[in-house]
Amino acid sequence: MNKTLKFNSEEQNIFFTADQHFQHKNIIEFCNRPFKTVREMDHVLVSNWNAKVGEEDIIFVLGDFCWGSNKSWSYLLQNLNGKKYLIIGNHDKNVSHRHWVEIDHIMNLFIHDPEIDDGQRITLCHYPMLSWYQSHRGAWQLYGHLHGKLTNNNLGDGKYDIKNKVICRQLDVGVDPHNFTPLSYEEVKTIITKQCLKRI
């Protein structure tokens, strides 16, 4: 089992994002992104990231970061703010440990949060899971890969998520459903809380 990384939400700003697909021309058409060129898309993604994430902030990238060469990866990472952690996606082919604090396929987090008695546990993976580490204790699961195509409104009859509150604790943090911008820990908490309240 992967080690658990520990952070304090009062001391650090923490962000989550996925599926930038920097340098990927076809993603504009596949995901109906509102950009005319790759250059425009990349510029907006970098600008949105840096407008929200500071140099000393923590940011987790849940896969499919860039389609470009090692040189492209290095250039982008040098120009993006934050201390960056990568959860590997299916399109991350030119991954180097340079510029990343840590790289893995799955990461487990513990966030000390004064609003949550036992803190918040989070499992990060590029893909959505049916079950994950400590889901029975209220842990969240954040993912990418689906580009906003799986929602709590298209899950059939909903019996599974209503009974077990599993789906409501999951969130696609990819750029497509979130205005091409990373989400803060507080934003994720607000969204998941609302999702689960709807299931009571």
Protein backbone atom coordinates (compact mmCIF):
# COMPACT_ATOMS: atom_id res chain seq x y z
CA MET A 1 0.00 0.00 0.00
CA ASN A 2 1.23 3.50 -0.82
CA LYS A 3 2.36 5.72 2.03
CA THR A 4 0.03 8.47 3.17
CA LEU A 5 1.19 12.04 2.52
CA LYS A 6 0.16 14.46 5.28
CA PHE A 7 -0.71 18.14 4.93
CA ASN A 8 -2.38 20.85 7.02
CA SER A 9 -5.08 22.92 5.32
CA GLU A 10 -4.43 25.80 7.74
CA GLU A 11 -0.75 25.99 6.84
CA GLN A 12 -0.71 25.13 3.13
CA ASN A 13 -2.83 25.92 0.10
CA ILE A 14 -3.59 22.63 -1.65
CA PHE A 15 -4.90 22.26 -5.21
CA PHE A 16 -6.02 19.44 -7.50
CA THR A 17 -6.27 19.24 -11.29
CA ALA A 18 -6.07 16.78 -14.18
CA ASP A 19 -6.24 16.30 -17.94
CA GLN A 20 -4.57 19.45 -19.21
CA HIS A 21 -3.38 17.60 -22.32
CA PHE A 22 -0.86 20.33 -23.05
CA GLN A 23 0.38 20.20 -26.68
CA HIS A 24 -2.50 17.89 -27.70
CA LYS A 25 -4.22 19.30 -30.79
CA ASN A 26 -6.94 16.64 -31.07
CA ILE A 27 -8.20 17.13 -27.50
CA ILE A 28 -9.73 20.45 -28.60
CA GLU A 29 -12.14 18.58 -30.89
CA PHE A 30 -12.53 15.45 -28.72
CA CYS A 31 -13.63 17.46 -25.69
CA ASN A 32 -15.17 20.39 -27.54
CA ARG A 33 -12.78 22.82 -25.88
CA PRO A 34 -13.36 26.49 -26.79
CA PHE A 35 -9.93 27.06 -28.32
CA LYS A 36 -8.88 27.58 -31.92
CA THR A 37 -5.28 26.43 -31.51
CA VAL A 38 -3.07 24.40 -29.18
CA ARG A 39 -1.10 27.54 -28.46
CA GLU A 40 -4.24 29.35 -27.27
CA MET A 41 -5.29 26.36 -25.14
CA ASP A 42 -1.88 26.03 -23.53
CA HIS A 43 -1.73 29.76 -22.82
CA VAL A 44 -5.14 29.74 -21.08
CA LEU A 45 -4.29 26.63 -19.05
CA VAL A 46 -0.99 28.13 -17.84
CA SER A 47 -2.56 31.53 -17.11
CA ASN A 48 -5.47 30.01 -15.16
CA TRP A 49 -3.13 27.76 -13.17
CA ASN A 50 -0.75 30.58 -12.22
CA ALA A 51 -3.57 33.00 -11.40
CA LYS A 52 -4.75 30.60 -8.70
CA VAL A 53 -1.72 28.60 -7.54
CA GLY A 54 1.17 30.34 -5.79
CA GLU A 55 4.85 29.41 -5.89
CA GLU A 56 4.74 27.73 -2.45
CA ASP A 57 1.36 26.04 -2.86
CA ILE A 58 0.90 22.28 -3.23
CA ILE A 59 -0.72 21.00 -6.43
CA PHE A 60 -1.61 17.44 -7.39
CA VAL A 61 -1.92 16.69 -11.11
CA LEU A 62 -4.05 13.58 -11.61
CA GLY A 63 -2.68 12.55 -14.97
CA ASP A 64 -2.65 13.33 -18.69
CA PHE A 65 -0.54 16.42 -18.23
CA CYS A 66 1.23 16.79 -21.58
CA TRP A 67 1.54 15.12 -24.99
CA GLY A 68 4.77 16.90 -25.85
CA SER A 69 8.43 16.01 -25.67
CA ASN A 70 10.63 16.01 -22.57
CA LYS A 71 11.61 19.55 -23.54
CA SER A 72 7.94 20.61 -23.60
CA TRP A 73 7.30 19.02 -20.20
CA SER A 74 10.33 20.77 -18.71
CA TYR A 75 9.38 24.16 -20.17
CA LEU A 76 5.79 23.92 -18.90
CA LEU A 77 6.76 22.74 -15.44
CA GLN A 78 9.27 25.54 -15.04
CA ASN A 79 6.54 28.06 -15.91
CA LEU A 80 3.78 26.65 -13.71
CA ASN A 81 3.56 27.69 -10.06
CA GLY A 82 3.50 25.36 -7.08
CA LYS A 83 5.14 22.29 -5.65
CA LYS A 84 3.88 19.68 -8.09
CA TYR A 85 2.94 16.03 -7.50
CA LEU A 86 2.03 13.77 -10.45
CA ILE A 87 -0.40 10.86 -10.43
CA ILE A 88 0.38 9.17 -13.73
CA GLY A 89 -2.32 9.04 -16.42
CA ASN A 90 -2.60 6.83 -19.48
CA HIS A 91 -1.15 9.51 -21.78
CA ASP A 92 1.83 10.53 -19.64
CA LYS A 93 4.59 9.07 -21.81
CA ASN A 94 7.54 11.40 -21.23
CA VAL A 95 7.58 11.53 -17.45
CA SER A 96 10.77 12.60 -15.75
CA HIS A 97 11.18 13.13 -12.01
CA ARG A 98 12.63 16.54 -12.72
CA HIS A 99 10.34 19.34 -11.47
CA TRP A 100 7.99 16.94 -9.62
CA VAL A 101 8.10 16.49 -5.84
CA GLU A 102 6.75 12.97 -6.21
CA ILE A 103 5.33 10.70 -8.94
CA ASP A 104 3.13 7.64 -8.46
CA HIS A 105 0.10 5.85 -9.92
CA ILE A 106 -1.96 6.27 -6.73
CA MET A 107 -1.48 8.63 -3.79
CA ASN A 108 -3.20 8.64 -0.42
CA LEU A 109 -3.44 11.93 1.48
CA PHE A 110 -4.36 12.95 4.99
CA ILE A 111 -5.40 16.59 5.31
CA HIS A 112 -5.53 18.03 8.82
CA ASP A 113 -8.68 20.17 8.65
CA PRO A 114 -9.98 21.98 11.75
CA GLU A 115 -13.54 21.66 10.40
CA ILE A 116 -13.29 17.84 10.21
CA ASP A 117 -12.70 16.06 13.54
CA ASP A 118 -10.64 13.17 12.21
CA GLY A 119 -9.13 15.07 9.28
CA GLN A 120 -9.86 14.29 5.64
CA ARG A 121 -8.47 11.26 3.85
CA ILE A 122 -8.23 11.42 0.06
CA THR A 123 -7.22 8.83 -2.53
CA LEU A 124 -5.89 10.21 -5.82
CA CYS A 125 -5.88 8.20 -9.05
CA HIS A 126 -6.20 9.10 -12.70
CA TYR A 127 -9.22 6.78 -12.91
CA PRO A 128 -12.48 6.68 -10.92
CA MET A 129 -12.69 3.69 -8.57
CA LEU A 130 -15.57 1.61 -7.27
CA SER A 131 -13.88 1.41 -3.87
CA TRP A 132 -10.70 2.90 -2.42
CA TYR A 133 -8.54 3.16 0.67
CA GLN A 134 -10.67 3.99 3.74
CA SER A 135 -13.79 4.80 1.70
CA HIS A 136 -15.68 3.26 4.63
CA ARG A 137 -14.31 6.08 6.83
CA GLY A 138 -15.49 8.91 4.61
CA ALA A 139 -12.40 9.21 2.44
CA TRP A 140 -12.80 11.00 -0.88
CA GLN A 141 -11.56 9.79 -4.23
CA LEU A 142 -10.45 12.34 -6.78
CA TYR A 143 -9.83 11.38 -10.40
CA GLY A 144 -9.50 12.64 -13.97
CA HIS A 145 -9.60 10.73 -17.28
CA LEU A 146 -13.34 11.18 -17.99
CA HIS A 147 -13.27 14.89 -18.84
CA GLY A 148 -16.48 15.58 -16.93
CA LYS A 149 -18.52 12.92 -18.74
CA LEU A 150 -19.46 10.95 -15.60
CA THR A 151 -21.78 12.86 -13.27
CA ASN A 152 -24.06 12.00 -10.40
CA ASN A 153 -26.97 12.54 -12.81
CA ASN A 154 -26.09 9.72 -15.20
CA LEU A 155 -25.45 6.81 -12.83
CA GLY A 156 -28.55 4.74 -13.48
CA ASP A 157 -31.00 4.32 -10.59
CA GLY A 158 -28.51 5.61 -8.01
CA LYS A 159 -29.22 2.83 -5.49
CA TYR A 160 -25.54 2.12 -4.94
CA ASP A 161 -24.42 5.67 -4.26
CA ILE A 162 -27.49 6.55 -2.14
CA LYS A 163 -27.01 3.55 0.13
CA ASN A 164 -23.25 3.71 0.50
CA LYS A 165 -22.42 7.33 -0.32
CA VAL A 166 -19.50 6.19 -2.42
CA ILE A 167 -20.13 8.07 -5.65
CA CYS A 168 -20.95 11.32 -3.85
CA ARG A 169 -17.46 11.26 -2.30
CA GLN A 170 -15.83 11.13 -5.73
CA LEU A 171 -14.98 14.07 -7.94
CA ASP A 172 -13.54 14.56 -11.40
CA VAL A 173 -10.96 17.33 -10.87
CA GLY A 174 -10.07 17.57 -14.55
CA VAL A 175 -9.91 20.94 -16.26
CA ASP A 176 -12.85 20.33 -18.62
CA PRO A 177 -15.65 20.45 -16.01
CA HIS A 178 -13.94 23.19 -13.97
CA ASN A 179 -13.37 26.07 -16.39
CA PHE A 180 -9.83 24.90 -17.24
CA THR A 181 -8.64 25.82 -13.75
CA PRO A 182 -7.30 23.85 -10.74
CA LEU A 183 -9.60 23.34 -7.74
CA SER A 184 -8.57 24.23 -4.21
CA TYR A 185 -9.02 21.81 -1.32
CA GLU A 186 -11.80 24.07 0.01
CA GLU A 187 -13.59 24.05 -3.35
CA VAL A 188 -13.39 20.25 -3.50
CA LYS A 189 -14.77 20.03 0.06
CA THR A 190 -17.69 22.30 -0.83
CA ILE A 191 -18.59 20.32 -3.96
CA ILE A 192 -18.38 16.92 -2.27
CA THR A 193 -20.36 18.12 0.76
CA LYS A 194 -23.16 19.32 -1.56
CA GLN A 195 -23.10 16.08 -3.54
CA CYS A 196 -23.48 13.98 -0.40
CA LEU A 197 -26.19 16.21 1.09
CA LYS A 198 -28.26 15.59 -2.05
CA ARG A 199 -28.07 11.85 -1.33
CA ILE A 200 -29.49 12.01 2.21
